[in-house]
């Protein structure tokens, strides 16, 4: 009887260990995971979630634990990388981007938070998104490296 109990215990432990994986919220196809791991080999605290159109969004951190950088990468339903959003402290936003914002119609606005989001896009049209308050109204404003300052547009995701 002891032998059967031991065998069952070992079998259950092996099944539990085999079912543990790096991805907590879902299991995207191997090609999507491979692309992600190629792009972000140092990612940790990885959580995959199915997006409404069949694509995937993966939340993760990079950098040294426990003070990593929060990121989200988006993949379409075919497994193609679409964009990555990275949280950036305002102090780390390039000065030319801050200058463009200050020289724009939004130059008098107050920052709602002490950070911004940096959008890296498949098309290469990267930009920073700021949460601002102006005249008692909250708004998101995008600023790209060409100096274009526009109200935020919400693209693929």
Protein backbone atom coordinates (compact mmCIF):
# COMPACT_ATOMS: atom_id res chain seq x y z
CA UNK A 1 0.00 0.00 0.00
CA UNK A 2 2.86 2.35 0.85
CA UNK A 3 4.43 1.65 -2.53
CA UNK A 4 1.20 2.53 -4.40
CA UNK A 5 0.85 5.74 -2.38
CA UNK A 6 4.47 6.70 -3.18
CA UNK A 7 3.99 5.99 -6.89
CA UNK A 8 0.79 8.04 -6.98
CA UNK A 9 2.44 10.92 -5.11
CA UNK A 10 5.38 10.96 -7.53
CA UNK A 11 3.01 10.79 -10.53
CA UNK A 12 0.90 13.70 -9.25
CA UNK A 13 4.04 15.75 -8.54
CA UNK A 14 5.32 15.13 -12.09
CA UNK A 15 2.00 16.14 -13.63
CA UNK A 16 1.88 19.34 -11.57
CA UNK A 17 5.50 20.20 -12.46
CA UNK A 18 4.87 19.56 -16.16
CA UNK A 19 1.82 21.81 -16.18
CA UNK A 20 3.71 24.80 -14.76
CA UNK A 21 4.84 27.18 -17.44
CA UNK A 22 6.14 30.68 -17.92
CA UNK A 23 2.83 31.96 -19.32
CA UNK A 24 0.15 32.51 -16.70
CA UNK A 25 -2.93 33.65 -18.61
CA UNK A 26 -2.91 31.67 -21.80
CA UNK A 27 -0.84 29.75 -24.23
CA UNK A 28 -0.12 31.43 -27.55
CA UNK A 29 1.25 29.45 -30.46
CA UNK A 30 4.92 28.46 -30.35
CA UNK A 31 5.83 30.86 -33.18
CA UNK A 32 4.41 33.82 -31.25
CA UNK A 33 6.25 32.80 -28.09
CA UNK A 34 9.47 32.30 -30.07
CA UNK A 35 9.17 35.77 -31.64
CA UNK A 36 8.52 37.32 -28.23
CA UNK A 37 11.48 35.52 -26.64
CA UNK A 38 13.71 36.62 -29.52
CA UNK A 39 12.63 40.26 -29.09
CA UNK A 40 12.73 40.25 -25.28
CA UNK A 41 15.11 37.53 -24.06
CA UNK A 42 15.43 39.14 -20.61
CA UNK A 43 11.64 39.37 -20.01
CA UNK A 44 10.27 38.25 -16.66
CA UNK A 45 6.87 38.25 -14.94
CA UNK A 46 5.36 37.33 -18.32
CA UNK A 47 1.56 37.16 -18.62
CA UNK A 48 -0.19 36.36 -21.89
CA UNK A 49 -3.79 37.28 -22.59
CA UNK A 50 -5.92 36.63 -25.67
CA UNK A 51 -7.08 39.86 -27.30
CA UNK A 52 -10.61 40.33 -28.61
CA UNK A 53 -9.64 39.96 -32.30
CA UNK A 54 -7.74 36.74 -31.71
CA UNK A 55 -4.37 38.41 -31.23
CA UNK A 56 -2.30 38.38 -28.07
CA UNK A 57 -1.13 40.98 -25.58
CA UNK A 58 1.75 40.08 -23.31
CA UNK A 59 2.52 42.08 -20.16
CA UNK A 60 6.04 41.70 -18.87
CA UNK A 61 8.99 43.40 -17.27
CA UNK A 62 12.57 43.84 -18.39
CA UNK A 63 15.63 44.93 -16.47
CA UNK A 64 16.73 44.02 -12.99
CA UNK A 65 14.30 42.55 -10.54
CA UNK A 66 12.48 44.02 -8.60
CA UNK A 67 12.76 47.41 -10.30
CA UNK A 68 11.99 46.31 -13.85
CA UNK A 69 10.44 48.33 -16.63
CA UNK A 70 6.77 47.57 -17.32
CA UNK A 71 5.97 46.75 -20.95
CA UNK A 72 3.16 45.37 -23.07
CA UNK A 73 3.68 43.84 -26.49
CA UNK A 74 0.86 43.21 -28.95
CA UNK A 75 0.74 40.49 -31.60
CA UNK A 76 -1.97 40.10 -34.23
CA UNK A 77 -3.87 36.85 -34.74
CA UNK A 78 -1.24 35.74 -37.28
CA UNK A 79 1.56 36.10 -34.74
CA UNK A 80 3.03 39.31 -36.16
CA UNK A 81 4.37 41.84 -33.69
CA UNK A 82 2.33 45.05 -33.89
CA UNK A 83 3.59 47.33 -31.12
CA UNK A 84 5.17 47.52 -27.70
CA UNK A 85 4.24 50.04 -25.02
CA UNK A 86 6.86 50.89 -22.39
CA UNK A 87 6.28 52.93 -19.24
CA UNK A 88 8.85 55.75 -19.05
CA UNK A 89 9.44 58.26 -16.27
CA UNK A 90 9.03 61.87 -17.43
CA UNK A 91 12.63 62.48 -16.42
CA UNK A 92 13.68 59.84 -18.99
CA UNK A 93 11.72 61.27 -21.93
CA UNK A 94 14.14 62.81 -24.49
CA UNK A 95 14.45 66.57 -24.16
CA UNK A 96 13.44 67.24 -27.78
CA UNK A 97 10.12 65.44 -27.17
CA UNK A 98 9.50 67.51 -24.03
CA UNK A 99 10.38 70.68 -25.98
CA UNK A 100 7.89 69.81 -28.75
CA UNK A 101 5.18 69.32 -26.12
CA UNK A 102 6.00 72.59 -24.32
CA UNK A 103 5.98 74.55 -27.60
CA UNK A 104 2.62 73.12 -28.67
CA UNK A 105 -0.95 74.13 -27.86
CA UNK A 106 -0.64 71.78 -24.86
CA UNK A 107 2.35 73.60 -23.39
CA UNK A 108 0.34 74.98 -20.46
CA UNK A 109 -1.17 71.60 -19.52
CA UNK A 110 -0.22 69.81 -16.32
CA UNK A 111 1.03 66.25 -16.27
CA UNK A 112 -1.46 63.92 -14.66
CA UNK A 113 1.22 61.36 -13.81
CA UNK A 114 4.97 61.28 -13.38
CA UNK A 115 5.35 58.98 -16.37
CA UNK A 116 4.54 58.60 -20.05
CA UNK A 117 4.17 55.69 -22.42
CA UNK A 118 6.56 55.04 -25.28
CA UNK A 119 4.95 53.30 -28.27
CA UNK A 120 7.24 51.33 -30.58
CA UNK A 121 5.25 50.44 -33.67
CA UNK A 122 5.59 47.99 -36.52
CA UNK A 123 5.52 50.89 -39.00
CA UNK A 124 8.34 52.70 -37.22
CA UNK A 125 6.13 55.68 -36.36
CA UNK A 126 7.16 55.62 -32.69
CA UNK A 127 5.79 58.19 -30.26
CA UNK A 128 5.32 59.14 -26.62
CA UNK A 129 1.87 59.41 -25.03
CA UNK A 130 1.33 61.83 -22.15
CA UNK A 131 -1.62 62.02 -19.75
CA UNK A 132 -2.38 65.72 -19.38
CA UNK A 133 -4.90 67.94 -17.59
CA UNK A 134 -5.76 71.26 -19.21
CA UNK A 135 -8.64 73.51 -18.24
CA UNK A 136 -9.96 70.82 -15.90
CA UNK A 137 -10.13 68.32 -18.76
CA UNK A 138 -8.08 65.11 -18.90
CA UNK A 139 -6.57 64.18 -22.25
CA UNK A 140 -3.95 61.98 -23.83
CA UNK A 141 -1.51 63.64 -26.21
CA UNK A 142 0.95 61.93 -28.57
CA UNK A 143 4.32 63.43 -29.53
CA UNK A 144 6.60 61.90 -32.14
CA UNK A 145 10.25 62.55 -32.97
CA UNK A 146 9.24 64.77 -35.92
CA UNK A 147 7.69 67.27 -33.51
CA UNK A 148 4.10 66.38 -34.33
CA UNK A 149 1.87 66.86 -31.28
CA UNK A 150 -1.65 65.49 -31.63
CA UNK A 151 -4.52 64.27 -29.47
CA UNK A 152 -4.01 60.56 -28.90
CA UNK A 153 -5.30 58.19 -31.50
CA UNK A 154 -5.95 54.61 -30.64
CA UNK A 155 -4.68 52.37 -33.38
CA UNK A 156 -4.65 48.63 -33.68
CA UNK A 157 -5.25 47.87 -30.02
